[in-house]
């Protein structure tokens, strides 16, 4: 996704520096069709199993949904006003949103690969709960990791 965001930024810059003619009506019609497909895919992924692979696929589908919405808006604006800078501006906005989600997913993946404490576990609270178990004298140097394949947020 980081490569996709970089590609979006390069194309947006290219559109700013050397604008190309845009058929706003055609762009909007195609984007509406794409939006329907992308919403269906995002819906399917949101009702599947919860792991980092599905999160990555959902993030990709969500980026496609946002891209389709931006294309519809840009197409309508260009069709009605002829103002073409809206296309690269919205592309950069969507790219920024996808970048933020991608970086969070990357952080979570690296955290899981490094056997970090799951984000859903309060280590201090867990230590106190374990120390409160009868006949437990002390809890120290507590290590917690998730089971393989269960990276969730």
Protein backbone atom coordinates (compact mmCIF):
# COMPACT_ATOMS: atom_id res chain seq x y z
CA UNK A 1 0.00 0.00 0.00
CA UNK A 2 2.93 2.34 0.62
CA UNK A 3 4.02 1.86 -2.99
CA UNK A 4 0.46 2.56 -4.15
CA UNK A 5 0.41 5.80 -2.13
CA UNK A 6 3.73 6.83 -3.66
CA UNK A 7 2.32 6.11 -7.14
CA UNK A 8 -0.77 8.20 -6.38
CA UNK A 9 1.43 11.10 -5.25
CA UNK A 10 3.58 10.91 -8.40
CA UNK A 11 0.53 10.82 -10.65
CA UNK A 12 -1.11 13.69 -8.77
CA UNK A 13 2.04 15.79 -9.15
CA UNK A 14 2.13 14.94 -12.84
CA UNK A 15 -1.50 16.03 -13.21
CA UNK A 16 -0.68 19.33 -11.48
CA UNK A 17 2.34 20.05 -13.67
CA UNK A 18 0.91 18.86 -17.00
CA UNK A 19 -2.88 18.65 -16.73
CA UNK A 20 -4.60 16.25 -19.09
CA UNK A 21 -8.17 16.68 -20.34
CA UNK A 22 -10.74 14.78 -18.27
CA UNK A 23 -14.15 13.57 -19.42
CA UNK A 24 -15.95 14.21 -16.12
CA UNK A 25 -19.17 12.41 -17.01
CA UNK A 26 -17.37 9.25 -18.15
CA UNK A 27 -15.14 9.30 -15.07
CA UNK A 28 -18.18 9.60 -12.79
CA UNK A 29 -20.11 6.77 -14.47
CA UNK A 30 -17.15 4.37 -14.35
CA UNK A 31 -16.36 5.40 -10.76
CA UNK A 32 -19.95 4.70 -9.66
CA UNK A 33 -19.69 1.19 -11.11
CA UNK A 34 -16.34 0.71 -9.36
CA UNK A 35 -17.76 2.06 -6.13
CA UNK A 36 -20.47 -0.61 -6.14
CA UNK A 37 -17.94 -3.40 -6.62
CA UNK A 38 -15.56 -1.95 -4.03
CA UNK A 39 -18.31 -1.54 -1.44
CA UNK A 40 -19.32 -5.17 -1.94
CA UNK A 41 -15.72 -6.37 -1.49
CA UNK A 42 -15.24 -4.20 1.61
CA UNK A 43 -18.50 -5.55 3.04
CA UNK A 44 -17.38 -9.15 2.44
CA UNK A 45 -14.04 -8.51 4.12
CA UNK A 46 -15.65 -6.78 7.10
CA UNK A 47 -17.69 -9.91 7.81
CA UNK A 48 -14.79 -12.37 7.57
CA UNK A 49 -12.27 -13.60 10.08
CA UNK A 50 -10.26 -11.05 12.04
CA UNK A 51 -6.51 -11.18 11.41
CA UNK A 52 -3.82 -8.96 9.99
CA UNK A 53 -4.14 -10.39 6.48
CA UNK A 54 -7.84 -9.60 6.33
CA UNK A 55 -7.17 -6.17 7.84
CA UNK A 56 -4.65 -5.52 5.06
CA UNK A 57 -7.10 -6.65 2.39
CA UNK A 58 -9.86 -4.56 3.99
CA UNK A 59 -7.56 -1.54 4.07
CA UNK A 60 -6.88 -2.02 0.38
CA UNK A 61 -10.61 -2.33 -0.37
CA UNK A 62 -11.35 0.74 1.75
CA UNK A 63 -8.72 2.67 -0.20
CA UNK A 64 -10.45 1.59 -3.39
CA UNK A 65 -13.84 2.73 -2.00
CA UNK A 66 -12.40 6.13 -1.08
CA UNK A 67 -10.72 6.37 -4.47
CA UNK A 68 -14.03 5.62 -6.19
CA UNK A 69 -15.84 8.25 -4.14
CA UNK A 70 -13.12 10.78 -4.94
CA UNK A 71 -13.34 9.90 -8.64
CA UNK A 72 -17.12 10.39 -8.62
CA UNK A 73 -16.75 13.78 -6.91
CA UNK A 74 -13.88 14.84 -9.18
CA UNK A 75 -15.75 13.71 -12.28
CA UNK A 76 -18.87 15.64 -11.32
CA UNK A 77 -16.86 18.79 -10.48
CA UNK A 78 -14.93 18.61 -13.77
CA UNK A 79 -18.11 17.86 -15.72
CA UNK A 80 -20.02 20.79 -14.18
CA UNK A 81 -17.22 23.37 -13.82
CA UNK A 82 -14.27 22.23 -15.92
CA UNK A 83 -11.97 22.67 -12.87
CA UNK A 84 -9.44 19.81 -13.32
CA UNK A 85 -7.19 20.43 -10.25
CA UNK A 86 -9.87 18.76 -8.14
CA UNK A 87 -8.70 15.36 -9.44
CA UNK A 88 -5.10 15.48 -8.13
CA UNK A 89 -6.19 17.28 -4.95
CA UNK A 90 -8.63 14.51 -4.05
CA UNK A 91 -6.05 11.90 -5.07
CA UNK A 92 -3.58 13.37 -2.57
CA UNK A 93 -6.24 13.46 0.14
CA UNK A 94 -7.16 9.80 -0.39
CA UNK A 95 -3.47 8.88 -0.60
CA UNK A 96 -2.91 10.54 2.79
CA UNK A 97 -5.76 8.59 4.36
CA UNK A 98 -4.49 5.31 2.92
CA UNK A 99 -0.95 6.17 4.06
CA UNK A 100 -2.14 6.68 7.65
CA UNK A 101 -3.97 3.34 7.68
CA UNK A 102 -1.06 1.55 6.03
CA UNK A 103 1.44 2.87 8.56
CA UNK A 104 -0.79 1.73 11.42
CA UNK A 105 -1.12 -1.73 9.85
CA UNK A 106 2.66 -1.87 9.33
CA UNK A 107 3.24 -0.86 12.97
CA UNK A 108 0.87 -3.59 14.16
CA UNK A 109 2.53 -6.20 11.94
CA UNK A 110 6.03 -5.31 13.16
CA UNK A 111 4.77 -5.26 16.76
CA UNK A 112 3.37 -8.78 16.29
CA UNK A 113 6.50 -10.05 14.56
CA UNK A 114 8.58 -8.76 17.47
CA UNK A 115 6.29 -10.65 19.90
CA UNK A 116 5.09 -7.41 21.47
CA UNK A 117 2.42 -7.42 24.13
CA UNK A 118 -0.99 -7.43 22.41
CA UNK A 119 -2.50 -3.95 22.35
CA UNK A 120 -5.64 -5.27 24.04
CA UNK A 121 -3.78 -6.39 27.19
CA UNK A 122 -2.94 -4.06 30.07
CA UNK A 123 0.27 -5.67 31.31
CA UNK A 124 0.23 -3.92 34.68
CA UNK A 125 -3.37 -4.95 35.36
CA UNK A 126 -2.63 -8.54 34.29
CA UNK A 127 0.35 -8.68 36.65
CA UNK A 128 -1.81 -7.49 39.56
CA UNK A 129 -4.52 -10.03 38.71
CA UNK A 130 -1.97 -12.85 38.62
CA UNK A 131 -0.40 -11.68 41.89
CA UNK A 132 -3.85 -11.83 43.52
CA UNK A 133 -4.19 -15.56 42.78
CA UNK A 134 -4.00 -17.57 46.05
CA UNK A 135 -0.53 -18.97 46.83
CA UNK A 136 1.16 -16.72 44.23
CA UNK A 137 3.93 -14.91 46.07
CA UNK A 138 5.22 -12.61 43.35
CA UNK A 139 4.82 -11.85 39.65
CA UNK A 140 7.89 -10.42 37.94
CA UNK A 141 9.37 -10.22 34.47
CA UNK A 142 5.98 -10.94 32.89
CA UNK A 143 6.08 -11.83 29.18
CA UNK A 144 2.88 -11.95 27.11
CA UNK A 145 2.53 -12.68 23.42
CA UNK A 146 -0.29 -13.69 21.13
CA UNK A 147 -0.79 -17.05 19.55
CA UNK A 148 0.51 -17.34 15.95
CA UNK A 149 -1.81 -15.93 13.30
CA UNK A 150 -3.98 -13.98 15.71
CA UNK A 151 -2.76 -10.41 15.26
CA UNK A 152 -5.86 -8.37 16.01
CA UNK A 153 -6.64 -4.92 17.18
